[in-house]
Amino acid sequence: MRLLTRPAAASAVLPAACGVLPAACAVPLAACVMLLAACAVLLAACGTAPGEAQILAPWAASAPGVVFAPSGATRVVGSVGQMAFCLDRPGAARVDRVVPHVVAGSLRIDRFWVQSAGSGGGAGTVVDHTCPRAGRRATRAELSTMVFLQLRVVQLAEVSTVVDAFVLEYTSDGVQLSYTLPWGLTVCVPGDAATPLCDPQG
């Protein structure tokens, strides 16, 4: 008896949902090959969660950064003790650029780096710390692996500069991504008592 290979039979037994392969091939070999190829296409079409590790801040900022500097002055500022960030899964992300979202005034970022919270933690541009699991307090050991944003900024305006967030542009597993770090910074010029956080008597 001659067996007929019918590609239509293969499509008839394709899994109804992505990711489910038939338990066994009960059709001729050629149809089996076509079936597996079709399943691979379906799996790719359905998509999966991105494999690259992504930056996030698991907790809200406890306070914004505040420094005092006249126009043209340089200051080093950081989110240490105010906002930490980490990766949503194991991996490594290289921060390529930091863009301030300026609400008022003007400043320039001369240099940026990330600083580990751990004792003797080095400075660089690579984040490779995984966030603590959600739904519970972080342990002391987990807190020590968090990282903070460090900046060297130049105050450009004659008035105080207010930044309400910083966009971290970074590369993870070859993919270019960005994350808006919701940490604010105010650079106060001398004599400014009107801008929030700038009045030393306020």
N, C-alpha and C. Protein backbone atom coordinates (compact mmCIF):
# COMPACT_ATOMS: atom_id res chain seq x y z
N MET A 1 0.85 -1.18 0.00
CA MET A 1 0.00 0.00 0.00
C MET A 1 0.88 1.23 0.00
N ARG A 2 0.55 2.20 -0.82
CA ARG A 2 1.34 3.42 -0.93
C ARG A 2 0.80 4.47 0.03
N LEU A 3 1.72 5.05 0.84
CA LEU A 3 1.33 6.11 1.76
C LEU A 3 1.43 7.46 1.07
N LEU A 4 0.43 8.29 1.24
CA LEU A 4 0.44 9.62 0.64
C LEU A 4 0.82 10.64 1.70
N THR A 5 1.73 11.53 1.32
CA THR A 5 2.12 12.62 2.22
C THR A 5 1.26 13.83 1.91
N ARG A 6 0.46 14.24 2.88
CA ARG A 6 -0.47 15.35 2.67
C ARG A 6 -0.11 16.49 3.62
N PRO A 7 0.52 17.56 3.12
CA PRO A 7 0.85 18.69 3.98
C PRO A 7 -0.35 19.26 4.71
N ALA A 8 -1.54 19.16 4.10
CA ALA A 8 -2.73 19.70 4.75
C ALA A 8 -3.01 19.00 6.06
N ALA A 9 -2.65 17.70 6.15
CA ALA A 9 -2.88 16.97 7.39
C ALA A 9 -2.03 17.52 8.51
N ALA A 10 -0.83 17.97 8.17
CA ALA A 10 0.04 18.55 9.19
C ALA A 10 -0.56 19.81 9.77
N SER A 11 -1.08 20.69 8.90
CA SER A 11 -1.66 21.93 9.41
C SER A 11 -2.90 21.66 10.24
N ALA A 12 -3.56 20.55 9.99
CA ALA A 12 -4.78 20.25 10.74
C ALA A 12 -4.49 19.89 12.18
N VAL A 13 -3.27 19.43 12.44
CA VAL A 13 -2.95 19.02 13.81
C VAL A 13 -2.00 20.01 14.48
N LEU A 14 -1.87 21.20 13.92
CA LEU A 14 -1.05 22.21 14.59
C LEU A 14 -1.64 22.52 15.94
N PRO A 15 -0.81 22.79 16.94
CA PRO A 15 -1.32 23.09 18.28
C PRO A 15 -2.18 24.34 18.26
N ALA A 16 -3.22 24.32 19.08
CA ALA A 16 -4.13 25.47 19.12
C ALA A 16 -3.49 26.65 19.81
N ALA A 17 -2.56 26.44 20.73
CA ALA A 17 -1.92 27.54 21.45
C ALA A 17 -0.43 27.47 21.24
N CYS A 18 0.22 28.64 21.27
CA CYS A 18 1.66 28.68 21.07
C CYS A 18 2.37 27.97 22.20
N GLY A 19 3.46 27.30 21.85
CA GLY A 19 4.29 26.69 22.88
C GLY A 19 3.92 25.25 23.18
N VAL A 20 2.89 24.67 22.52
CA VAL A 20 2.48 23.29 22.78
C VAL A 20 2.81 22.47 21.56
N LEU A 21 3.71 21.53 21.70
CA LEU A 21 4.09 20.66 20.60
C LEU A 21 3.31 19.36 20.69
N PRO A 22 2.99 18.75 19.56
CA PRO A 22 2.28 17.48 19.60
C PRO A 22 3.10 16.43 20.33
N ALA A 23 2.42 15.52 21.00
CA ALA A 23 3.11 14.50 21.80
C ALA A 23 3.94 13.58 20.93
N ALA A 24 3.47 13.29 19.76
CA ALA A 24 4.21 12.41 18.88
C ALA A 24 3.80 12.67 17.45
N CYS A 25 4.67 12.35 16.54
CA CYS A 25 4.34 12.51 15.12
C CYS A 25 3.71 11.21 14.64
N ALA A 26 2.45 11.28 14.31
CA ALA A 26 1.75 10.11 13.81
C ALA A 26 1.57 10.19 12.31
N VAL A 27 2.29 11.07 11.68
CA VAL A 27 2.19 11.25 10.23
C VAL A 27 3.55 10.98 9.65
N PRO A 28 3.67 10.81 8.36
CA PRO A 28 4.95 10.52 7.74
C PRO A 28 6.00 11.56 8.08
N LEU A 29 7.28 11.22 7.89
CA LEU A 29 8.40 12.05 8.29
C LEU A 29 8.35 13.43 7.66
N ALA A 30 8.01 13.53 6.39
CA ALA A 30 7.99 14.83 5.72
C ALA A 30 6.98 15.76 6.38
N ALA A 31 5.82 15.20 6.73
CA ALA A 31 4.80 16.02 7.39
C ALA A 31 5.26 16.42 8.78
N CYS A 32 5.99 15.52 9.45
CA CYS A 32 6.52 15.84 10.78
C CYS A 32 7.46 17.04 10.70
N VAL A 33 8.32 17.06 9.70
CA VAL A 33 9.26 18.16 9.55
C VAL A 33 8.51 19.47 9.32
N MET A 34 7.48 19.40 8.46
CA MET A 34 6.69 20.60 8.19
C MET A 34 5.97 21.07 9.44
N LEU A 35 5.50 20.10 10.23
CA LEU A 35 4.78 20.44 11.46
C LEU A 35 5.68 21.16 12.46
N LEU A 36 6.89 20.64 12.64
CA LEU A 36 7.82 21.27 13.56
C LEU A 36 8.21 22.66 13.09
N ALA A 37 8.39 22.84 11.79
CA ALA A 37 8.72 24.17 11.26
C ALA A 37 7.59 25.15 11.51
N ALA A 38 6.35 24.67 11.31
CA ALA A 38 5.20 25.54 11.54
C ALA A 38 5.09 25.92 13.01
N CYS A 39 5.38 24.97 13.90
CA CYS A 39 5.34 25.26 15.34
C CYS A 39 6.38 26.32 15.71
N ALA A 40 7.56 26.23 15.10
CA ALA A 40 8.59 27.22 15.39
C ALA A 40 8.16 28.61 14.98
N VAL A 41 7.47 28.69 13.82
CA VAL A 41 6.96 29.98 13.36
C VAL A 41 5.93 30.52 14.33
N LEU A 42 5.06 29.62 14.81
CA LEU A 42 4.03 30.06 15.76
C LEU A 42 4.64 30.55 17.06
N LEU A 43 5.66 29.85 17.54
CA LEU A 43 6.31 30.27 18.78
C LEU A 43 6.94 31.65 18.63
N ALA A 44 7.57 31.88 17.48
CA ALA A 44 8.19 33.18 17.24
C ALA A 44 7.14 34.27 17.13
N ALA A 45 6.01 33.95 16.50
CA ALA A 45 4.95 34.95 16.32
C ALA A 45 4.31 35.32 17.65
N CYS A 46 4.15 34.33 18.53
CA CYS A 46 3.53 34.61 19.82
C CYS A 46 4.40 35.53 20.66
N GLY A 47 5.69 35.38 20.55
CA GLY A 47 6.60 36.24 21.30
C GLY A 47 6.76 35.78 22.74
N THR A 48 7.85 36.21 23.34
CA THR A 48 8.12 35.89 24.73
C THR A 48 8.60 37.15 25.42
N ALA A 49 8.76 37.08 26.72
CA ALA A 49 9.26 38.23 27.46
C ALA A 49 10.68 38.52 27.00
N PRO A 50 11.06 39.80 26.90
CA PRO A 50 12.41 40.14 26.46
C PRO A 50 13.45 39.46 27.32
N GLY A 51 14.53 39.00 26.68
CA GLY A 51 15.57 38.30 27.42
C GLY A 51 16.58 39.23 28.06
N GLU A 52 16.64 40.48 27.60
CA GLU A 52 17.64 41.39 28.13
C GLU A 52 17.23 41.92 29.50
N ALA A 53 18.22 42.05 30.38
CA ALA A 53 17.96 42.60 31.71
C ALA A 53 17.65 44.10 31.59
N GLN A 54 16.68 44.56 32.35
CA GLN A 54 16.25 45.94 32.25
C GLN A 54 16.39 46.65 33.60
N ILE A 55 16.79 47.92 33.54
CA ILE A 55 16.97 48.73 34.74
C ILE A 55 15.62 49.16 35.30
N LEU A 56 15.51 49.14 36.61
CA LEU A 56 14.34 49.69 37.28
C LEU A 56 14.71 50.11 38.69
N ALA A 57 13.86 50.95 39.26
CA ALA A 57 14.03 51.39 40.65
C ALA A 57 12.89 50.77 41.45
N PRO A 58 13.19 49.82 42.34
CA PRO A 58 12.12 49.12 43.04
C PRO A 58 11.40 49.94 44.09
N TRP A 59 12.01 51.04 44.55
CA TRP A 59 11.36 51.87 45.56
C TRP A 59 11.37 53.32 45.11
N ALA A 60 10.40 54.09 45.62
CA ALA A 60 10.34 55.51 45.31
C ALA A 60 11.50 56.25 45.99
N ALA A 61 11.83 57.40 45.45
CA ALA A 61 12.91 58.20 46.04
C ALA A 61 12.51 58.69 47.43
N SER A 62 13.43 58.61 48.36
CA SER A 62 13.15 59.09 49.71
C SER A 62 13.28 60.61 49.79
N ALA A 63 14.06 61.19 48.87
CA ALA A 63 14.24 62.65 48.83
C ALA A 63 14.94 63.01 47.53
N PRO A 64 14.79 64.24 47.06
CA PRO A 64 15.55 64.69 45.89
C PRO A 64 16.93 65.18 46.30
N GLY A 65 17.81 65.32 45.34
CA GLY A 65 19.13 65.86 45.61
C GLY A 65 19.10 67.38 45.60
N VAL A 66 19.90 67.99 46.45
CA VAL A 66 19.99 69.45 46.52
C VAL A 66 21.45 69.85 46.70
N VAL A 67 21.94 70.75 45.84
CA VAL A 67 23.27 71.30 45.98
C VAL A 67 23.20 72.81 45.72
N PHE A 68 24.19 73.54 46.21
CA PHE A 68 24.25 74.99 46.02
C PHE A 68 25.46 75.30 45.14
N ALA A 69 25.22 76.06 44.07
CA ALA A 69 26.30 76.37 43.14
C ALA A 69 25.95 77.60 42.32
N PRO A 70 26.86 78.56 42.21
CA PRO A 70 26.63 79.71 41.33
C PRO A 70 26.79 79.29 39.87
N SER A 71 26.38 80.16 38.98
CA SER A 71 26.51 79.88 37.55
C SER A 71 27.97 79.62 37.19
N GLY A 72 28.21 78.55 36.43
CA GLY A 72 29.55 78.17 36.01
C GLY A 72 30.26 77.23 36.94
N ALA A 73 29.70 76.99 38.12
CA ALA A 73 30.36 76.11 39.10
C ALA A 73 30.05 74.65 38.81
N THR A 74 30.97 73.77 39.23
CA THR A 74 30.83 72.32 39.04
C THR A 74 30.58 71.68 40.40
N ARG A 75 29.67 70.74 40.44
CA ARG A 75 29.37 70.00 41.66
C ARG A 75 29.22 68.51 41.34
N VAL A 76 29.61 67.67 42.29
CA VAL A 76 29.37 66.23 42.19
C VAL A 76 28.17 65.90 43.07
N VAL A 77 27.17 65.29 42.48
CA VAL A 77 25.94 64.96 43.19
C VAL A 77 25.61 63.49 42.95
N GLY A 78 24.77 62.93 43.80
CA GLY A 78 24.40 61.53 43.61
C GLY A 78 23.12 61.19 44.34
N SER A 79 22.55 60.07 43.95
CA SER A 79 21.29 59.61 44.54
C SER A 79 21.51 58.70 45.74
N VAL A 80 22.73 58.66 46.24
CA VAL A 80 23.05 57.80 47.39
C VAL A 80 22.13 58.14 48.57
N GLY A 81 21.49 57.12 49.12
CA GLY A 81 20.59 57.32 50.24
C GLY A 81 19.23 57.87 49.87
N GLN A 82 19.03 58.14 48.58
CA GLN A 82 17.77 58.72 48.14
C GLN A 82 17.04 57.85 47.11
N MET A 83 17.78 57.31 46.17
CA MET A 83 17.17 56.40 45.20
C MET A 83 18.20 55.43 44.67
N ALA A 84 17.86 54.14 44.73
CA ALA A 84 18.72 53.08 44.21
C ALA A 84 18.03 52.41 43.03
N PHE A 85 18.82 51.76 42.20
CA PHE A 85 18.22 51.01 41.09
C PHE A 85 19.00 49.73 40.86
N CYS A 86 18.46 48.86 40.01
CA CYS A 86 19.00 47.51 39.84
C CYS A 86 18.43 46.93 38.55
N LEU A 87 18.63 45.63 38.34
CA LEU A 87 18.13 44.95 37.14
C LEU A 87 16.98 44.02 37.49
N ASP A 88 16.05 43.89 36.56
CA ASP A 88 14.88 43.05 36.82
C ASP A 88 15.17 41.56 36.70
N ARG A 89 16.36 41.20 36.23
CA ARG A 89 16.76 39.79 36.11
C ARG A 89 18.28 39.74 35.99
N PRO A 90 18.88 38.57 36.16
CA PRO A 90 20.34 38.49 36.04
C PRO A 90 20.81 38.96 34.67
N GLY A 91 21.91 39.67 34.65
CA GLY A 91 22.45 40.18 33.41
C GLY A 91 23.35 41.36 33.67
N ALA A 92 23.58 42.16 32.65
CA ALA A 92 24.40 43.36 32.77
C ALA A 92 23.91 44.40 31.79
N ALA A 93 23.88 45.64 32.25
CA ALA A 93 23.45 46.76 31.41
C ALA A 93 24.48 47.86 31.51
N ARG A 94 24.88 48.39 30.36
CA ARG A 94 25.86 49.48 30.33
C ARG A 94 25.13 50.81 30.10
N VAL A 95 25.28 51.72 31.04
CA VAL A 95 24.66 53.03 30.90
C VAL A 95 25.49 53.85 29.91
N ASP A 96 24.87 54.26 28.80
CA ASP A 96 25.59 54.98 27.75
C ASP A 96 25.45 56.49 27.86
N ARG A 97 24.32 56.93 28.40
CA ARG A 97 24.06 58.37 28.43
C ARG A 97 23.05 58.67 29.52
N VAL A 98 23.18 59.82 30.15
CA VAL A 98 22.23 60.28 31.15
C VAL A 98 21.70 61.64 30.70
N VAL A 99 20.39 61.73 30.53
CA VAL A 99 19.76 62.96 30.02
C VAL A 99 18.86 63.53 31.11
N PRO A 100 19.13 64.74 31.59
CA PRO A 100 18.27 65.33 32.61
C PRO A 100 16.98 65.88 32.02
N HIS A 101 15.89 65.72 32.73
CA HIS A 101 14.63 66.35 32.34
C HIS A 101 14.52 67.64 33.13
N VAL A 102 14.92 68.74 32.50
CA VAL A 102 15.04 70.03 33.18
C VAL A 102 13.70 70.75 33.18
N VAL A 103 13.24 71.14 34.36
CA VAL A 103 12.00 71.89 34.51
C VAL A 103 12.27 73.39 34.48
N ALA A 104 13.37 73.81 35.08
CA ALA A 104 13.73 75.22 35.12
C ALA A 104 15.25 75.34 35.18
N GLY A 105 15.78 76.46 34.66
CA GLY A 105 17.21 76.66 34.68
C GLY A 105 17.93 75.86 33.60
N SER A 106 19.20 75.58 33.84
CA SER A 106 20.00 74.85 32.85
C SER A 106 21.25 74.30 33.51
N LEU A 107 21.61 73.09 33.12
CA LEU A 107 22.87 72.49 33.60
C LEU A 107 23.42 71.56 32.54
N ARG A 108 24.68 71.18 32.72
CA ARG A 108 25.33 70.23 31.82
C ARG A 108 25.91 69.10 32.65
N ILE A 109 25.77 67.87 32.16
CA ILE A 109 26.37 66.72 32.83
C ILE A 109 27.73 66.48 32.20
N ASP A 110 28.79 66.72 32.97
CA ASP A 110 30.15 66.51 32.48
C ASP A 110 30.56 65.05 32.55
N ARG A 111 30.06 64.35 33.57
CA ARG A 111 30.44 62.95 33.76
C ARG A 111 29.36 62.26 34.57
N PHE A 112 29.20 60.97 34.34
CA PHE A 112 28.26 60.18 35.14
C PHE A 112 28.86 58.81 35.40
N TRP A 113 28.42 58.19 36.46
CA TRP A 113 28.82 56.82 36.76
C TRP A 113 27.81 56.23 37.73
N VAL A 114 27.90 54.92 37.92
CA VAL A 114 27.05 54.25 38.91
C VAL A 114 27.95 53.77 40.03
N GLN A 115 27.45 53.92 41.23
CA GLN A 115 28.23 53.59 42.42
C GLN A 115 27.55 52.48 43.20
N SER A 116 28.29 51.42 43.50
CA SER A 116 27.73 50.34 44.29
C SER A 116 27.56 50.76 45.73
N ALA A 117 26.49 50.26 46.34
CA ALA A 117 26.23 50.60 47.74
C ALA A 117 27.10 49.80 48.70
N GLY A 118 27.66 48.72 48.24
CA GLY A 118 28.46 47.86 49.10
C GLY A 118 29.76 48.50 49.52
N SER A 119 30.31 48.00 50.58
CA SER A 119 31.58 48.52 51.09
C SER A 119 32.68 48.32 50.04
N GLY A 120 33.33 49.41 49.69
CA GLY A 120 34.40 49.33 48.70
C GLY A 120 33.90 49.18 47.29
N GLY A 121 32.60 49.43 47.06
CA GLY A 121 32.03 49.28 45.73
C GLY A 121 32.68 50.22 44.74
N GLY A 122 32.97 49.69 43.56
CA GLY A 122 33.63 50.50 42.55
C GLY A 122 32.66 51.36 41.77
N ALA A 123 33.22 52.24 40.97
CA ALA A 123 32.42 53.13 40.13
C ALA A 123 32.64 52.77 38.67
N GLY A 124 31.60 52.82 37.89
CA GLY A 124 31.69 52.52 36.47
C GLY A 124 30.37 52.86 35.80
N THR A 125 30.13 52.25 34.67
CA THR A 125 28.88 52.49 33.96
C THR A 125 28.06 51.22 33.76
N VAL A 126 28.50 50.11 34.35
CA VAL A 126 27.80 48.84 34.17
C VAL A 126 26.99 48.49 35.42
N VAL A 127 25.73 48.18 35.20
CA VAL A 127 24.84 47.73 36.27
C VAL A 127 24.67 46.22 36.12
N ASP A 128 25.06 45.46 37.13
CA ASP A 128 24.90 44.00 37.06
C ASP A 128 24.31 43.45 38.36
N HIS A 129 23.55 44.29 39.06
CA HIS A 129 22.95 43.90 40.32
C HIS A 129 21.46 43.59 40.12
N THR A 130 21.03 42.42 40.52
CA THR A 130 19.64 42.02 40.38
C THR A 130 18.80 42.56 41.53
N CYS A 131 17.60 43.04 41.22
CA CYS A 131 16.73 43.60 42.25
C CYS A 131 16.28 42.54 43.25
N PRO A 132 16.03 42.92 44.49
CA PRO A 132 15.44 41.99 45.46
C PRO A 132 14.07 41.55 45.00
N ARG A 133 13.65 40.40 45.45
CA ARG A 133 12.31 39.92 45.09
C ARG A 133 11.25 40.85 45.65
N ALA A 134 10.20 41.03 44.86
CA ALA A 134 9.13 41.94 45.27
C ALA A 134 8.29 41.32 46.38
N GLY A 135 7.58 42.16 47.09
CA GLY A 135 6.64 41.69 48.10
C GLY A 135 7.22 41.52 49.48
N ARG A 136 8.44 41.96 49.70
CA ARG A 136 9.04 41.84 51.04
C ARG A 136 10.15 42.88 51.16
N ARG A 137 10.59 43.08 52.38
CA ARG A 137 11.70 43.99 52.60
C ARG A 137 13.01 43.38 52.09
N ALA A 138 13.87 44.23 51.61
CA ALA A 138 15.17 43.75 51.15
C ALA A 138 16.06 43.44 52.34
N THR A 139 16.86 42.42 52.20
CA THR A 139 17.82 42.09 53.26
C THR A 139 19.00 43.07 53.19
N ARG A 140 19.79 43.09 54.26
CA ARG A 140 20.97 43.96 54.28
C ARG A 140 21.92 43.60 53.13
N ALA A 141 22.06 42.30 52.88
CA ALA A 141 22.95 41.87 51.80
C ALA A 141 22.43 42.34 50.44
N GLU A 142 21.11 42.31 50.24
CA GLU A 142 20.54 42.77 48.97
C GLU A 142 20.69 44.28 48.82
N LEU A 143 20.48 45.00 49.90
CA LEU A 143 20.64 46.45 49.84
C LEU A 143 22.07 46.83 49.48
N SER A 144 23.01 46.04 49.94
CA SER A 144 24.41 46.37 49.67
C SER A 144 24.78 46.17 48.21
N THR A 145 23.94 45.48 47.44
CA THR A 145 24.23 45.27 46.02
C THR A 145 23.50 46.27 45.13
N MET A 146 22.72 47.16 45.70
CA MET A 146 22.05 48.17 44.90
C MET A 146 23.07 49.19 44.39
N VAL A 147 22.70 49.93 43.36
CA VAL A 147 23.60 50.95 42.83
C VAL A 147 22.90 52.31 42.79
N PHE A 148 23.70 53.35 42.76
CA PHE A 148 23.19 54.72 42.77
C PHE A 148 23.79 55.49 41.60
N LEU A 149 23.09 56.53 41.20
CA LEU A 149 23.56 57.39 40.11
C LEU A 149 24.43 58.51 40.67
N GLN A 150 25.60 58.68 40.10
CA GLN A 150 26.51 59.76 40.49
C GLN A 150 26.73 60.66 39.27
N LEU A 151 26.73 61.97 39.50
CA LEU A 151 26.86 62.92 38.40
C LEU A 151 27.84 64.03 38.75
N ARG A 152 28.54 64.50 37.75
CA ARG A 152 29.28 65.75 37.89
C ARG A 152 28.61 66.75 36.97
N VAL A 153 27.98 67.75 37.57
CA VAL A 153 27.17 68.69 36.80
C VAL A 153 27.78 70.09 36.85
N VAL A 154 27.50 70.85 35.82
CA VAL A 154 27.91 72.24 35.74
C VAL A 154 26.65 73.10 35.67
N GLN A 155 26.50 74.01 36.62
CA GLN A 155 25.36 74.92 36.62
C GLN A 155 25.58 75.99 35.54
N LEU A 156 24.65 76.08 34.60
CA LEU A 156 24.81 76.99 33.47
C LEU A 156 23.99 78.27 33.60
N ALA A 157 22.90 78.22 34.33
CA ALA A 157 21.99 79.35 34.39
C ALA A 157 22.30 80.27 35.57
N GLU A 158 21.83 81.50 35.45
CA GLU A 158 21.94 82.45 36.55
C GLU A 158 20.87 82.20 37.61
N VAL A 159 19.87 81.39 37.25
CA VAL A 159 18.79 81.03 38.18
C VAL A 159 18.96 79.57 38.57
N SER A 160 18.30 79.18 39.62
CA SER A 160 18.41 77.79 40.10
C SER A 160 17.87 76.82 39.05
N THR A 161 18.47 75.65 39.00
CA THR A 161 18.05 74.62 38.05
C THR A 161 17.29 73.52 38.79
N VAL A 162 16.16 73.14 38.22
CA VAL A 162 15.34 72.09 38.80
C VAL A 162 15.20 70.96 37.77
N VAL A 163 15.58 69.75 38.17
CA VAL A 163 15.45 68.55 37.33
C VAL A 163 14.52 67.59 38.06
N ASP A 164 13.49 67.11 37.36
CA ASP A 164 12.55 66.22 38.05
C ASP A 164 12.78 64.74 37.74
N ALA A 165 13.68 64.42 36.81
CA ALA A 165 13.99 63.02 36.50
C ALA A 165 15.22 62.97 35.59
N PHE A 166 15.82 61.80 35.52
CA PHE A 166 16.96 61.58 34.63
C PHE A 166 16.67 60.34 33.78
N VAL A 167 16.85 60.48 32.48
CA VAL A 167 16.66 59.35 31.58
C VAL A 167 17.98 58.62 31.41
N LEU A 168 18.00 57.35 31.77
CA LEU A 168 19.19 56.51 31.60
C LEU A 168 19.06 55.78 30.27
N GLU A 169 19.90 56.12 29.32
CA GLU A 169 19.94 55.39 28.06
C GLU A 169 21.03 54.32 28.19
N TYR A 170 20.67 53.06 27.97
CA TYR A 170 21.61 51.99 28.25
C TYR A 170 21.49 50.86 27.24
N THR A 171 22.49 49.99 27.23
CA THR A 171 22.51 48.84 26.33
C THR A 171 22.55 47.57 27.18
N SER A 172 21.64 46.65 26.87
CA SER A 172 21.58 45.37 27.58
C SER A 172 21.45 44.25 26.57
N ASP A 173 22.40 43.35 26.57
CA ASP A 173 22.40 42.22 25.64
C ASP A 173 22.29 42.70 24.20
N GLY A 174 22.96 43.80 23.89
CA GLY A 174 22.97 44.32 22.54
C GLY A 174 21.76 45.14 22.15
N VAL A 175 20.81 45.30 23.07
CA VAL A 175 19.59 46.05 22.79
C VAL A 175 19.67 47.41 23.47
N GLN A 176 19.35 48.48 22.75
CA GLN A 176 19.35 49.83 23.31
C GLN A 176 18.00 50.12 23.96
N LEU A 177 18.06 50.50 25.23
CA LEU A 177 16.85 50.74 26.01
C LEU A 177 17.00 52.04 26.78
N SER A 178 15.94 52.46 27.44
CA SER A 178 16.02 53.64 28.29
C SER A 178 15.10 53.46 29.48
N TYR A 179 15.44 54.13 30.56
CA TYR A 179 14.63 54.10 31.77
C TYR A 179 14.65 55.49 32.40
N THR A 180 13.47 56.00 32.74
CA THR A 180 13.38 57.29 33.40
C THR A 180 13.48 57.10 34.90
N LEU A 181 14.60 57.52 35.45
CA LEU A 181 14.84 57.40 36.89
C LEU A 181 14.12 58.55 37.59
N PRO A 182 13.10 58.26 38.39
CA PRO A 182 12.30 59.33 39.00
C PRO A 182 12.95 59.95 40.23
N TRP A 183 14.15 60.45 40.03
CA TRP A 183 14.89 61.11 41.09
C TRP A 183 15.16 62.54 40.67
N GLY A 184 14.84 63.48 41.52
CA GLY A 184 15.00 64.88 41.18
C GLY A 184 16.26 65.50 41.75
N LEU A 185 16.64 66.63 41.18
CA LEU A 185 17.82 67.35 41.63
C LEU A 185 17.57 68.85 41.49
N THR A 186 17.90 69.60 42.51
CA THR A 186 17.83 71.06 42.46
C THR A 186 19.21 71.64 42.72
N VAL A 187 19.66 72.46 41.78
CA VAL A 187 20.93 73.17 41.94
C VAL A 187 20.59 74.62 42.24
N CYS A 188 20.82 75.02 43.47
CA CYS A 188 20.40 76.34 43.94
C CYS A 188 21.52 77.37 43.76
N VAL A 189 21.18 78.50 43.18
CA VAL A 189 22.15 79.59 43.09
C VAL A 189 22.09 80.40 44.38
N PRO A 190 23.17 81.05 44.75
CA PRO A 190 23.18 81.83 46.00
C PRO A 190 22.09 82.91 46.02
N GLY A 191 21.48 83.07 47.17
CA GLY A 191 20.48 84.11 47.34
C GLY A 191 19.09 83.75 46.91
N ASP A 192 18.89 82.53 46.37
CA ASP A 192 17.55 82.13 45.92
C ASP A 192 16.75 81.59 47.11
N ALA A 193 15.73 82.33 47.50
CA ALA A 193 14.87 81.87 48.58
C ALA A 193 13.48 81.50 48.07
N ALA A 194 13.29 81.61 46.74
CA ALA A 194 11.98 81.35 46.16
C ALA A 194 11.82 79.91 45.67
N THR A 195 12.88 79.34 45.14
CA THR A 195 12.80 77.98 44.62
C THR A 195 12.69 76.98 45.77
N PRO A 196 11.72 76.07 45.71
CA PRO A 196 11.60 75.06 46.77
C PRO A 196 12.93 74.34 46.99
N LEU A 197 13.27 74.12 48.24
CA LEU A 197 14.47 73.44 48.72
C LEU A 197 15.71 74.35 48.71
N CYS A 198 15.60 75.54 48.14
CA CYS A 198 16.78 76.41 48.08
C CYS A 198 16.92 77.36 49.26
N ASP A 199 15.84 77.62 49.96
CA ASP A 199 15.90 78.54 51.08
C ASP A 199 16.45 77.81 52.30
N PRO A 200 17.65 78.14 52.75
CA PRO A 200 18.23 77.44 53.90
C PRO A 200 17.45 77.65 55.19
N GLN A 201 16.60 78.68 55.20
CA GLN A 201 15.79 78.95 56.37
C GLN A 201 14.44 78.26 56.29
N GLY A 202 14.13 77.70 55.10
CA GLY A 202 12.81 77.12 54.88
C GLY A 202 12.69 75.72 55.42
